[in-house]
């Protein structure tokens, strides 16, 4: 299914089974768990973990600005003369 079809199915389920509109709470919770567990394009089950990477802390303020300037200057391609 496409993103639009998945979203439409999800919204239809919520509109029909939400406890605020007279639906059963337990059935709603079970249905949400089932919908979230199915692989889909925008589903958390298929998205990569965005925090699964090294975290790099860089200094801030003037010290950080000078550090970034030095790094950029060091990595710059030098012209051959």
PDB file of N, CA and C in Angstrom:
ATOM      1  N   UNK A   1       0.836  -1.186   0.000  1.00  0.00           N
ATOM      2  CA  UNK A   1       0.000   0.000   0.000  1.00  0.00           C
ATOM      3  C   UNK A   1       0.881   1.249   0.000  1.00  0.00           C
ATOM      4  N   UNK A   2       0.328   2.314  -0.491  1.00  0.00           N
ATOM      5  CA  UNK A   2       1.062   3.568  -0.535  1.00  0.00           C
ATOM      6  C   UNK A   2       0.915   4.300   0.787  1.00  0.00           C
ATOM      7  N   UNK A   3       1.687   5.359   0.939  1.00  0.00           N
ATOM      8  CA  UNK A   3       1.604   6.176   2.150  1.00  0.00           C
ATOM      9  C   UNK A   3       0.197   6.725   2.336  1.00  0.00           C
ATOM     10  N   UNK A   4      -0.385   7.198   1.256  1.00  0.00           N
ATOM     11  CA  UNK A   4      -1.724   7.790   1.327  1.00  0.00           C
ATOM     12  C   UNK A   4      -2.770   6.746   1.712  1.00  0.00           C
ATOM     13  N   UNK A   5      -2.657   5.552   1.138  1.00  0.00           N
ATOM     14  CA  UNK A   5      -3.606   4.481   1.462  1.00  0.00           C
ATOM     15  C   UNK A   5      -3.425   4.003   2.904  1.00  0.00           C
ATOM     16  N   UNK A   6      -2.157   3.907   3.348  1.00  0.00           N
ATOM     17  CA  UNK A   6      -1.896   3.517   4.737  1.00  0.00           C
ATOM     18  C   UNK A   6      -2.487   4.532   5.703  1.00  0.00           C
ATOM     19  N   UNK A   7      -2.287   5.800   5.399  1.00  0.00           N
ATOM     20  CA  UNK A   7      -2.819   6.856   6.268  1.00  0.00           C
ATOM     21  C   UNK A   7      -4.342   6.845   6.271  1.00  0.00           C
ATOM     22  N   UNK A   8      -4.951   6.623   5.111  1.00  0.00           N
ATOM     23  CA  UNK A   8      -6.412   6.571   5.032  1.00  0.00           C
ATOM     24  C   UNK A   8      -6.957   5.396   5.838  1.00  0.00           C
ATOM     25  N   UNK A   9      -6.291   4.242   5.765  1.00  0.00           N
ATOM     26  CA  UNK A   9      -6.733   3.081   6.538  1.00  0.00           C
ATOM     27  C   UNK A   9      -6.595   3.339   8.035  1.00  0.00           C
ATOM     28  N   UNK A  10      -5.503   3.981   8.421  1.00  0.00           N
ATOM     29  CA  UNK A  10      -5.290   4.305   9.831  1.00  0.00           C
ATOM     30  C   UNK A  10      -6.358   5.271  10.339  1.00  0.00           C
ATOM     31  N   UNK A  11      -6.616   6.328   9.574  1.00  0.00           N
ATOM     32  CA  UNK A  11      -7.620   7.305   9.990  1.00  0.00           C
ATOM     33  C   UNK A  11      -9.020   6.694  10.036  1.00  0.00           C
ATOM     34  N   UNK A  12      -9.335   5.820   9.096  1.00  0.00           N
ATOM     35  CA  UNK A  12     -10.643   5.154   9.113  1.00  0.00           C
ATOM     36  C   UNK A  12     -10.783   4.280  10.355  1.00  0.00           C
ATOM     37  N   UNK A  13      -9.718   3.571  10.714  1.00  0.00           N
ATOM     38  CA  UNK A  13      -9.755   2.754  11.925  1.00  0.00           C
ATOM     39  C   UNK A  13      -9.957   3.623  13.161  1.00  0.00           C
ATOM     40  N   UNK A  14      -9.218   4.724  13.245  1.00  0.00           N
ATOM     41  CA  UNK A  14      -9.328   5.605  14.411  1.00  0.00           C
ATOM     42  C   UNK A  14     -10.724   6.202  14.502  1.00  0.00           C
ATOM     43  N   UNK A  15     -11.264   6.661  13.393  1.00  0.00           N
ATOM     44  CA  UNK A  15     -12.609   7.258  13.410  1.00  0.00           C
ATOM     45  C   UNK A  15     -13.677   6.249  13.834  1.00  0.00           C
ATOM     46  N   UNK A  16     -13.508   5.005  13.442  1.00  0.00           N
ATOM     47  CA  UNK A  16     -14.519   3.991  13.750  1.00  0.00           C
ATOM     48  C   UNK A  16     -14.386   3.436  15.165  1.00  0.00           C
ATOM     49  N   UNK A  17     -13.160   3.378  15.701  1.00  0.00           N
ATOM     50  CA  UNK A  17     -12.945   2.655  16.956  1.00  0.00           C
ATOM     51  C   UNK A  17     -12.461   3.500  18.124  1.00  0.00           C
ATOM     52  N   UNK A  18     -12.317   4.786  17.959  1.00  0.00           N
ATOM     53  CA  UNK A  18     -11.800   5.619  19.046  1.00  0.00           C
ATOM     54  C   UNK A  18     -12.779   5.615  20.220  1.00  0.00           C
ATOM     55  N   UNK A  19     -12.267   5.514  21.451  1.00  0.00           N
ATOM     56  CA  UNK A  19     -13.160   5.490  22.617  1.00  0.00           C
ATOM     57  C   UNK A  19     -13.997   6.763  22.783  1.00  0.00           C
ATOM     58  N   UNK A  20     -13.534   7.888  22.294  1.00  0.00           N
ATOM     59  CA  UNK A  20     -14.295   9.132  22.420  1.00  0.00           C
ATOM     60  C   UNK A  20     -15.558   9.136  21.561  1.00  0.00           C
ATOM     61  N   UNK A  21     -15.610   8.270  20.551  1.00  0.00           N
ATOM     62  CA  UNK A  21     -16.805   8.207  19.699  1.00  0.00           C
ATOM     63  C   UNK A  21     -17.580   6.913  19.927  1.00  0.00           C
ATOM     64  N   UNK A  22     -17.353   6.286  21.082  1.00  0.00           N
ATOM     65  CA  UNK A  22     -18.130   5.105  21.431  1.00  0.00           C
ATOM     66  C   UNK A  22     -17.459   3.780  21.150  1.00  0.00           C
ATOM     67  N   UNK A  23     -16.201   3.786  20.765  1.00  0.00           N
ATOM     68  CA  UNK A  23     -15.493   2.533  20.501  1.00  0.00           C
ATOM     69  C   UNK A  23     -14.977   1.896  21.783  1.00  0.00           C
ATOM     70  N   UNK A  24     -14.612   0.640  21.691  1.00  0.00           N
ATOM     71  CA  UNK A  24     -14.078  -0.097  22.833  1.00  0.00           C
ATOM     72  C   UNK A  24     -12.607   0.259  23.018  1.00  0.00           C
ATOM     73  N   UNK A  25     -12.229   0.602  24.249  1.00  0.00           N
ATOM     74  CA  UNK A  25     -10.855   1.021  24.537  1.00  0.00           C
ATOM     75  C   UNK A  25      -9.858  -0.106  24.269  1.00  0.00           C
ATOM     76  N   UNK A  26     -10.155  -1.301  24.734  1.00  0.00           N
ATOM     77  CA  UNK A  26      -9.225  -2.426  24.559  1.00  0.00           C
ATOM     78  C   UNK A  26      -9.046  -2.789  23.085  1.00  0.00           C
ATOM     79  N   UNK A  27     -10.131  -2.757  22.332  1.00  0.00           N
ATOM     80  CA  UNK A  27     -10.040  -3.045  20.896  1.00  0.00           C
ATOM     81  C   UNK A  27      -9.246  -1.956  20.178  1.00  0.00           C
ATOM     82  N   UNK A  28      -9.408  -0.722  20.620  1.00  0.00           N
ATOM     83  CA  UNK A  28      -8.677   0.393  20.015  1.00  0.00           C
ATOM     84  C   UNK A  28      -7.180   0.256  20.265  1.00  0.00           C
ATOM     85  N   UNK A  29      -6.806  -0.046  21.504  1.00  0.00           N
ATOM     86  CA  UNK A  29      -5.387  -0.208  21.841  1.00  0.00           C
ATOM     87  C   UNK A  29      -4.787  -1.382  21.077  1.00  0.00           C
ATOM     88  N   UNK A  30      -5.515  -2.485  20.998  1.00  0.00           N
ATOM     89  CA  UNK A  30      -5.016  -3.654  20.263  1.00  0.00           C
ATOM     90  C   UNK A  30      -4.881  -3.348  18.770  1.00  0.00           C
ATOM     91  N   UNK A  31      -5.841  -2.626  18.220  1.00  0.00           N
ATOM     92  CA  UNK A  31      -5.776  -2.259  16.805  1.00  0.00           C
ATOM     93  C   UNK A  31      -4.628  -1.321  16.503  1.00  0.00           C
ATOM     94  N   UNK A  32      -4.385  -0.354  17.397  1.00  0.00           N
ATOM     95  CA  UNK A  32      -3.239   0.545  17.205  1.00  0.00           C
ATOM     96  C   UNK A  32      -1.930  -0.221  17.248  1.00  0.00           C
ATOM     97  N   UNK A  33      -1.808  -1.144  18.183  1.00  0.00           N
ATOM     98  CA  UNK A  33      -0.588  -1.951  18.271  1.00  0.00           C
ATOM     99  C   UNK A  33      -0.389  -2.772  17.002  1.00  0.00           C
ATOM    100  N   UNK A  34      -1.466  -3.324  16.472  1.00  0.00           N
ATOM    101  CA  UNK A  34      -1.363  -4.117  15.242  1.00  0.00           C
ATOM    102  C   UNK A  34      -0.989  -3.241  14.050  1.00  0.00           C
ATOM    103  N   UNK A  35      -1.577  -2.047  13.962  1.00  0.00           N
ATOM    104  CA  UNK A  35      -1.251  -1.152  12.850  1.00  0.00           C
ATOM    105  C   UNK A  35       0.186  -0.653  12.931  1.00  0.00           C
ATOM    106  N   UNK A  36       0.661  -0.391  14.122  1.00  0.00           N
ATOM    107  CA  UNK A  36       2.039   0.092  14.278  1.00  0.00           C
ATOM    108  C   UNK A  36       3.061  -1.004  14.041  1.00  0.00           C
ATOM    109  N   UNK A  37       2.679  -2.253  14.240  1.00  0.00           N
ATOM    110  CA  UNK A  37       3.605  -3.371  14.054  1.00  0.00           C
ATOM    111  C   UNK A  37       3.746  -3.777  12.593  1.00  0.00           C
ATOM    112  N   UNK A  38       2.766  -3.442  11.758  1.00  0.00           N
ATOM    113  CA  UNK A  38       2.855  -3.815  10.346  1.00  0.00           C
ATOM    114  C   UNK A  38       3.850  -2.920   9.637  1.00  0.00           C
ATOM    115  N   UNK A  39       4.702  -3.491   8.800  1.00  0.00           N
ATOM    116  CA  UNK A  39       5.655  -2.656   8.079  1.00  0.00           C
ATOM    117  C   UNK A  39       4.956  -1.775   7.054  1.00  0.00           C
ATOM    118  N   UNK A  40       5.309  -0.528   7.054  1.00  0.00           N
ATOM    119  CA  UNK A  40       4.758   0.427   6.103  1.00  0.00           C
ATOM    120  C   UNK A  40       5.794   1.497   5.826  1.00  0.00           C
ATOM    121  N   UNK A  41       5.524   2.359   4.894  1.00  0.00           N
ATOM    122  CA  UNK A  41       6.512   3.357   4.488  1.00  0.00           C
ATOM    123  C   UNK A  41       6.839   4.333   5.613  1.00  0.00           C
ATOM    124  N   UNK A  42       5.844   4.828   6.318  1.00  0.00           N
ATOM    125  CA  UNK A  42       6.097   5.813   7.354  1.00  0.00           C
ATOM    126  C   UNK A  42       6.001   5.254   8.749  1.00  0.00           C
ATOM    127  N   UNK A  43       6.077   3.952   8.872  1.00  0.00           N
ATOM    128  CA  UNK A  43       5.882   3.303  10.148  1.00  0.00           C
ATOM    129  C   UNK A  43       7.186   3.233  10.919  1.00  0.00           C
ATOM    130  N   UNK A  44       7.094   3.304  12.231  1.00  0.00           N
ATOM    131  CA  UNK A  44       8.284   3.230  13.069  1.00  0.00           C
ATOM    132  C   UNK A  44       8.968   1.873  12.956  1.00  0.00           C
ATOM    133  N   UNK A  45       8.233   0.840  12.557  1.00  0.00           N
ATOM    134  CA  UNK A  45       8.824  -0.488  12.422  1.00  0.00           C
ATOM    135  C   UNK A  45       9.793  -0.551  11.244  1.00  0.00           C
ATOM    136  N   UNK A  46       9.640   0.317  10.252  1.00  0.00           N
ATOM    137  CA  UNK A  46      10.505   0.268   9.074  1.00  0.00           C
ATOM    138  C   UNK A  46      11.522   1.403   9.033  1.00  0.00           C
ATOM    139  N   UNK A  47      11.338   2.433   9.835  1.00  0.00           N
ATOM    140  CA  UNK A  47      12.283   3.548   9.834  1.00  0.00           C
ATOM    141  C   UNK A  47      13.582   3.144  10.506  1.00  0.00           C
ATOM    142  N   UNK A  48      14.712   3.591  10.000  1.00  0.00           N
ATOM    143  CA  UNK A  48      15.969   3.302  10.691  1.00  0.00           C
ATOM    144  C   UNK A  48      16.043   4.113  11.980  1.00  0.00           C
ATOM    145  N   UNK A  49      16.771   3.593  12.927  1.00  0.00           N
ATOM    146  CA  UNK A  49      16.923   4.293  14.195  1.00  0.00           C
ATOM    147  C   UNK A  49      17.813   5.507  13.971  1.00  0.00           C
ATOM    148  N   UNK A  50      17.269   6.692  14.137  1.00  0.00           N
ATOM    149  CA  UNK A  50      18.045   7.889  13.838  1.00  0.00           C
ATOM    150  C   UNK A  50      19.093   8.185  14.893  1.00  0.00           C
ATOM    151  N   UNK A  51      19.008   7.549  16.038  1.00  0.00           N
ATOM    152  CA  UNK A  51      20.005   7.763  17.082  1.00  0.00           C
ATOM    153  C   UNK A  51      21.082   6.691  17.043  1.00  0.00           C
ATOM    154  N   UNK A  52      21.092   5.852  16.016  1.00  0.00           N
ATOM    155  CA  UNK A  52      22.076   4.794  15.901  1.00  0.00           C
ATOM    156  C   UNK A  52      23.297   5.315  15.142  1.00  0.00           C
ATOM    157  N   UNK A  53      23.963   6.292  15.741  1.00  0.00           N
ATOM    158  CA  UNK A  53      25.144   6.889  15.131  1.00  0.00           C
ATOM    159  C   UNK A  53      25.989   7.506  16.240  1.00  0.00           C
ATOM    160  N   UNK A  54      27.270   7.694  15.989  1.00  0.00           N
ATOM    161  CA  UNK A  54      28.089   8.342  17.016  1.00  0.00           C
ATOM    162  C   UNK A  54      27.672   9.796  17.195  1.00  0.00           C
ATOM    163  N   UNK A  55      27.752  10.259  18.414  1.00  0.00           N
ATOM    164  CA  UNK A  55      27.413  11.641  18.732  1.00  0.00           C
ATOM    165  C   UNK A  55      28.709  12.416  18.877  1.00  0.00           C
ATOM    166  N   UNK A  56      28.824  13.505  18.153  1.00  0.00           N
ATOM    167  CA  UNK A  56      30.025  14.318  18.172  1.00  0.00           C
ATOM    168  C   UNK A  56      29.691  15.643  18.829  1.00  0.00           C
ATOM    169  N   UNK A  57      30.394  15.957  19.911  1.00  0.00           N
ATOM    170  CA  UNK A  57      30.189  17.229  20.597  1.00  0.00           C
ATOM    171  C   UNK A  57      31.242  18.211  20.104  1.00  0.00           C
ATOM    172  N   UNK A  58      30.805  19.381  19.703  1.00  0.00           N
ATOM    173  CA  UNK A  58      31.723  20.408  19.226  1.00  0.00           C
ATOM    174  C   UNK A  58      31.660  21.588  20.159  1.00  0.00           C
ATOM    175  N   UNK A  59      32.772  22.240  20.392  1.00  0.00           N
ATOM    176  CA  UNK A  59      32.752  23.393  21.284  1.00  0.00           C
ATOM    177  C   UNK A  59      31.927  24.529  20.696  1.00  0.00           C
ATOM    178  N   UNK A  60      31.329  25.299  21.560  1.00  0.00           N
ATOM    179  CA  UNK A  60      30.508  26.417  21.116  1.00  0.00           C
ATOM    180  C   UNK A  60      31.199  27.744  21.368  1.00  0.00           C
ATOM    181  N   UNK A  61      30.522  28.794  21.030  1.00  0.00           N
ATOM    182  CA  UNK A  61      31.045  30.131  21.261  1.00  0.00           C
ATOM    183  C   UNK A  61      32.217  30.464  20.362  1.00  0.00           C
ATOM    184  N   UNK A  62      33.055  31.375  20.838  1.00  0.00           N
ATOM    185  CA  UNK A  62      34.214  31.825  20.065  1.00  0.00           C
ATOM    186  C   UNK A  62      35.201  30.687  19.847  1.00  0.00           C
ATOM    187  N   UNK A  63      35.390  29.872  20.882  1.00  0.00           N
ATOM    188  CA  UNK A  63      36.303  28.738  20.758  1.00  0.00           C
ATOM    189  C   UNK A  63      35.837  27.783  19.661  1.00  0.00           C
ATOM    190  N   UNK A  64      34.540  27.522  19.596  1.00  0.00           N
ATOM    191  CA  UNK A  64      34.000  26.644  18.570  1.00  0.00           C
ATOM    192  C   UNK A  64      34.131  27.236  17.184  1.00  0.00           C
ATOM    193  N   UNK A  65      33.891  28.548  17.080  1.00  0.00           N
ATOM    194  CA  UNK A  65      34.003  29.204  15.784  1.00  0.00           C
ATOM    195  C   UNK A  65      35.437  29.125  15.266  1.00  0.00           C
ATOM    196  N   UNK A  66      36.407  29.371  16.142  1.00  0.00           N
ATOM    197  CA  UNK A  66      37.815  29.292  15.737  1.00  0.00           C
ATOM    198  C   UNK A  66      38.175  27.856  15.369  1.00  0.00           C
ATOM    199  N   UNK A  67      37.664  26.892  16.128  1.00  0.00           N
ATOM    200  CA  UNK A  67      37.938  25.481  15.835  1.00  0.00           C
ATOM    201  C   UNK A  67      37.385  25.083  14.471  1.00  0.00           C
ATOM    202  N   UNK A  68      36.150  25.483  14.179  1.00  0.00           N
ATOM    203  CA  UNK A  68      35.558  25.155  12.878  1.00  0.00           C
ATOM    204  C   UNK A  68      36.289  25.866  11.743  1.00  0.00           C
ATOM    205  N   UNK A  69      36.724  27.093  11.972  1.00  0.00           N
ATOM    206  CA  UNK A  69      37.466  27.835  10.959  1.00  0.00           C
ATOM    207  C   UNK A  69      38.778  27.131  10.654  1.00  0.00           C
ATOM    208  N   UNK A  70      39.482  26.678  11.702  1.00  0.00           N
ATOM    209  CA  UNK A  70      40.747  25.967  11.497  1.00  0.00           C
ATOM    210  C   UNK A  70      40.523  24.643  10.767  1.00  0.00           C
ATOM    211  N   UNK A  71      39.470  23.916  11.145  1.00  0.00           N
ATOM    212  CA  UNK A  71      39.172  22.649  10.459  1.00  0.00           C
ATOM    213  C   UNK A  71      38.894  22.885   8.980  1.00  0.00           C
ATOM    214  N   UNK A  72      38.098  23.885   8.689  1.00  0.00           N
ATOM    215  CA  UNK A  72      37.754  24.170   7.293  1.00  0.00           C
ATOM    216  C   UNK A  72      38.981  24.613   6.509  1.00  0.00           C
ATOM    217  N   UNK A  73      39.788  25.426   7.133  1.00  0.00           N
ATOM    218  CA  UNK A  73      40.995  25.909   6.457  1.00  0.00           C
ATOM    219  C   UNK A  73      41.969  24.756   6.208  1.00  0.00           C
ATOM    220  N   UNK A  74      42.037  23.843   7.151  1.00  0.00           N
ATOM    221  CA  UNK A  74      42.938  22.701   7.020  1.00  0.00           C
ATOM    222  C   UNK A  74      42.480  21.748   5.914  1.00  0.00           C
ATOM    223  N   UNK A  75      41.175  21.588   5.733  1.00  0.00           N
ATOM    224  CA  UNK A  75      40.640  20.660   4.736  1.00  0.00           C
ATOM    225  C   UNK A  75      40.511  21.265   3.348  1.00  0.00           C
ATOM    226  N   UNK A  76      40.701  22.555   3.232  1.00  0.00           N
ATOM    227  CA  UNK A  76      40.518  23.227   1.951  1.00  0.00           C
ATOM    228  C   UNK A  76      41.555  22.734   0.943  1.00  0.00           C
ATOM    229  N   UNK A  77      41.123  22.606  -0.291  1.00  0.00           N
ATOM    230  CA  UNK A  77      42.037  22.189  -1.352  1.00  0.00           C
ATOM    231  C   UNK A  77      42.981  23.342  -1.672  1.00  0.00           C
ATOM    232  N   UNK A  78      44.233  23.054  -1.617  1.00  0.00           N
ATOM    233  CA  UNK A  78      45.238  24.085  -1.902  1.00  0.00           C
ATOM    234  C   UNK A  78      45.526  24.119  -3.401  1.00  0.00           C
ATOM    235  N   UNK A  79      45.710  25.288  -3.902  1.00  0.00           N
ATOM    236  CA  UNK A  79      46.072  25.421  -5.316  1.00  0.00           C
ATOM    237  C   UNK A  79      47.557  25.151  -5.491  1.00  0.00           C
ATOM    238  N   UNK A  80      47.872  24.553  -6.595  1.00  0.00           N
ATOM    239  CA  UNK A  80      49.277  24.313  -6.908  1.00  0.00           C
ATOM    240  C   UNK A  80      49.824  25.527  -7.627  1.00  0.00           C
ATOM    241  N   UNK A  81      50.955  25.972  -7.177  1.00  0.00           N
ATOM    242  CA  UNK A  81      51.574  27.141  -7.822  1.00  0.00           C
ATOM    243  C   UNK A  81      52.824  26.749  -8.528  1.00  0.00           C
TER     244      UNK A  81
END
